[in-house]
Structures are given as C-alpha cells and as structure tokens.
C-alpha cells in the first residue's frame, strides 16, 4: 500500500457513493492527489492525471507490488 493508492481509494468512494462529488469525509483525507478535486465539485479524471498517478506509484520506494504473469 502507498499513499497514492490510499488516495485513490478515497476518490473511488466519492465517485461510487457521492455521485462523483468530492466530500470532505473521503476526498478530504487524500495526501497526494489533493489537486485532483475541489470539495463540493465533481471529481474529474484526465489522461494527464492517470500519468501523474503512475509516476507517483513508480517513485514510491515504500510501495509493495505483486507481479502478475
């Protein structure tokens, strides 16, 4: 687990349970992905953000990865 994956969990919760609106209770807990949303507005994901997310995970020396295949 790494901070980026934890942040993704909070954002996913708001997408699934708050109609895509960032809430202080979930998205407000993010550590790294704080520039992806504004509390009370829709969460929008762009290709550049997916690339940024990949870079955050790739740079996290504490992340644990499982190779499949």
C-alpha atoms as a PDB file:
ATOM      1  CA  UNK A   1       0.000   0.000   0.000  1.00  0.00           C
ATOM      2  CA  UNK A   2       1.193   3.501  -0.707  1.00  0.00           C
ATOM      3  CA  UNK A   3      -0.250   6.989  -0.227  1.00  0.00           C
ATOM      4  CA  UNK A   4      -1.299   7.261  -3.885  1.00  0.00           C
ATOM      5  CA  UNK A   5      -3.333   4.036  -3.654  1.00  0.00           C
ATOM      6  CA  UNK A   6      -4.912   5.194  -0.402  1.00  0.00           C
ATOM      7  CA  UNK A   7      -5.890   8.477  -2.063  1.00  0.00           C
ATOM      8  CA  UNK A   8      -7.381   6.571  -4.991  1.00  0.00           C
ATOM      9  CA  UNK A   9      -9.486   4.602  -2.508  1.00  0.00           C
ATOM     10  CA  UNK A  10     -10.940   7.826  -1.067  1.00  0.00           C
ATOM     11  CA  UNK A  11     -11.654   9.263  -4.515  1.00  0.00           C
ATOM     12  CA  UNK A  12     -13.261   5.991  -5.638  1.00  0.00           C
ATOM     13  CA  UNK A  13     -15.528   6.062  -2.603  1.00  0.00           C
ATOM     14  CA  UNK A  14     -16.820   9.522  -3.534  1.00  0.00           C
ATOM     15  CA  UNK A  15     -17.307   8.504  -7.167  1.00  0.00           C
ATOM     16  CA  UNK A  16     -19.243   5.392  -6.135  1.00  0.00           C
ATOM     17  CA  UNK A  17     -21.204   6.726  -3.171  1.00  0.00           C
ATOM     18  CA  UNK A  18     -21.416  10.523  -3.549  1.00  0.00           C
ATOM     19  CA  UNK A  19     -22.351  10.747  -7.229  1.00  0.00           C
ATOM     20  CA  UNK A  20     -18.804  11.767  -8.159  1.00  0.00           C
ATOM     21  CA  UNK A  21     -18.760  14.785  -5.852  1.00  0.00           C
ATOM     22  CA  UNK A  22     -15.652  15.238  -3.680  1.00  0.00           C
ATOM     23  CA  UNK A  23     -16.554  15.207   0.016  1.00  0.00           C
ATOM     24  CA  UNK A  24     -14.510  16.372   2.978  1.00  0.00           C
ATOM     25  CA  UNK A  25     -15.167  12.995   4.646  1.00  0.00           C
ATOM     26  CA  UNK A  26     -13.461  10.974   1.887  1.00  0.00           C
ATOM     27  CA  UNK A  27     -11.583  13.045  -0.690  1.00  0.00           C
ATOM     28  CA  UNK A  28     -10.609  15.407   2.100  1.00  0.00           C
ATOM     29  CA  UNK A  29      -8.425  12.592   3.506  1.00  0.00           C
ATOM     30  CA  UNK A  30      -6.184  12.499   0.420  1.00  0.00           C
ATOM     31  CA  UNK A  31      -2.471  13.062   0.951  1.00  0.00           C
ATOM     32  CA  UNK A  32      -1.011  13.240  -2.588  1.00  0.00           C
ATOM     33  CA  UNK A  33      -3.897  13.700  -5.018  1.00  0.00           C
ATOM     34  CA  UNK A  34      -5.235  16.898  -3.470  1.00  0.00           C
ATOM     35  CA  UNK A  35      -5.010  18.822  -6.757  1.00  0.00           C
ATOM     36  CA  UNK A  36      -7.454  16.377  -8.433  1.00  0.00           C
ATOM     37  CA  UNK A  37     -10.585  17.809  -6.851  1.00  0.00           C
ATOM     38  CA  UNK A  38     -12.279  20.706  -5.105  1.00  0.00           C
ATOM     39  CA  UNK A  39     -14.520  19.756  -2.191  1.00  0.00           C
ATOM     40  CA  UNK A  40     -18.147  20.013  -3.311  1.00  0.00           C
ATOM     41  CA  UNK A  41     -17.335  19.718  -7.035  1.00  0.00           C
ATOM     42  CA  UNK A  42     -17.246  16.761  -9.402  1.00  0.00           C
ATOM     43  CA  UNK A  43     -14.096  14.632  -9.460  1.00  0.00           C
ATOM     44  CA  UNK A  44     -12.655  14.680 -12.979  1.00  0.00           C
ATOM     45  CA  UNK A  45     -10.003  12.262 -14.209  1.00  0.00           C
ATOM     46  CA  UNK A  46      -7.890  13.143 -17.234  1.00  0.00           C
ATOM     47  CA  UNK A  47      -5.197  11.228 -19.105  1.00  0.00           C
ATOM     48  CA  UNK A  48      -2.559  13.514 -17.599  1.00  0.00           C
ATOM     49  CA  UNK A  49      -3.781  12.600 -14.111  1.00  0.00           C
ATOM     50  CA  UNK A  50      -3.517   8.888 -14.872  1.00  0.00           C
ATOM     51  CA  UNK A  51       0.069   9.505 -15.971  1.00  0.00           C
ATOM     52  CA  UNK A  52       0.732  11.528 -12.807  1.00  0.00           C
ATOM     53  CA  UNK A  53      -0.729   8.694 -10.714  1.00  0.00           C
ATOM     54  CA  UNK A  54       1.535   6.158 -12.421  1.00  0.00           C
ATOM     55  CA  UNK A  55       4.566   8.350 -11.743  1.00  0.00           C
ATOM     56  CA  UNK A  56       3.643   8.705  -8.059  1.00  0.00           C
ATOM     57  CA  UNK A  57       3.414   4.939  -7.660  1.00  0.00           C
ATOM     58  CA  UNK A  58       6.609   4.299  -9.625  1.00  0.00           C
ATOM     59  CA  UNK A  59       8.504   6.791  -7.434  1.00  0.00           C
ATOM     60  CA  UNK A  60       7.216   5.421  -4.099  1.00  0.00           C
ATOM     61  CA  UNK A  61      10.027   3.355  -2.618  1.00  0.00           C
ATOM     62  CA  UNK A  62       7.747   2.075   0.168  1.00  0.00           C
ATOM     63  CA  UNK A  63       5.066   0.674  -2.149  1.00  0.00           C
ATOM     64  CA  UNK A  64       4.592  -3.078  -2.316  1.00  0.00           C
ATOM     65  CA  UNK A  65       3.973  -4.581  -5.745  1.00  0.00           C
ATOM     66  CA  UNK A  66       2.860  -8.019  -6.829  1.00  0.00           C
ATOM     67  CA  UNK A  67       3.896  -9.081 -10.319  1.00  0.00           C
ATOM     68  CA  UNK A  68       1.165 -10.969 -12.159  1.00  0.00           C
ATOM     69  CA  UNK A  69       2.054 -13.137 -15.124  1.00  0.00           C
END
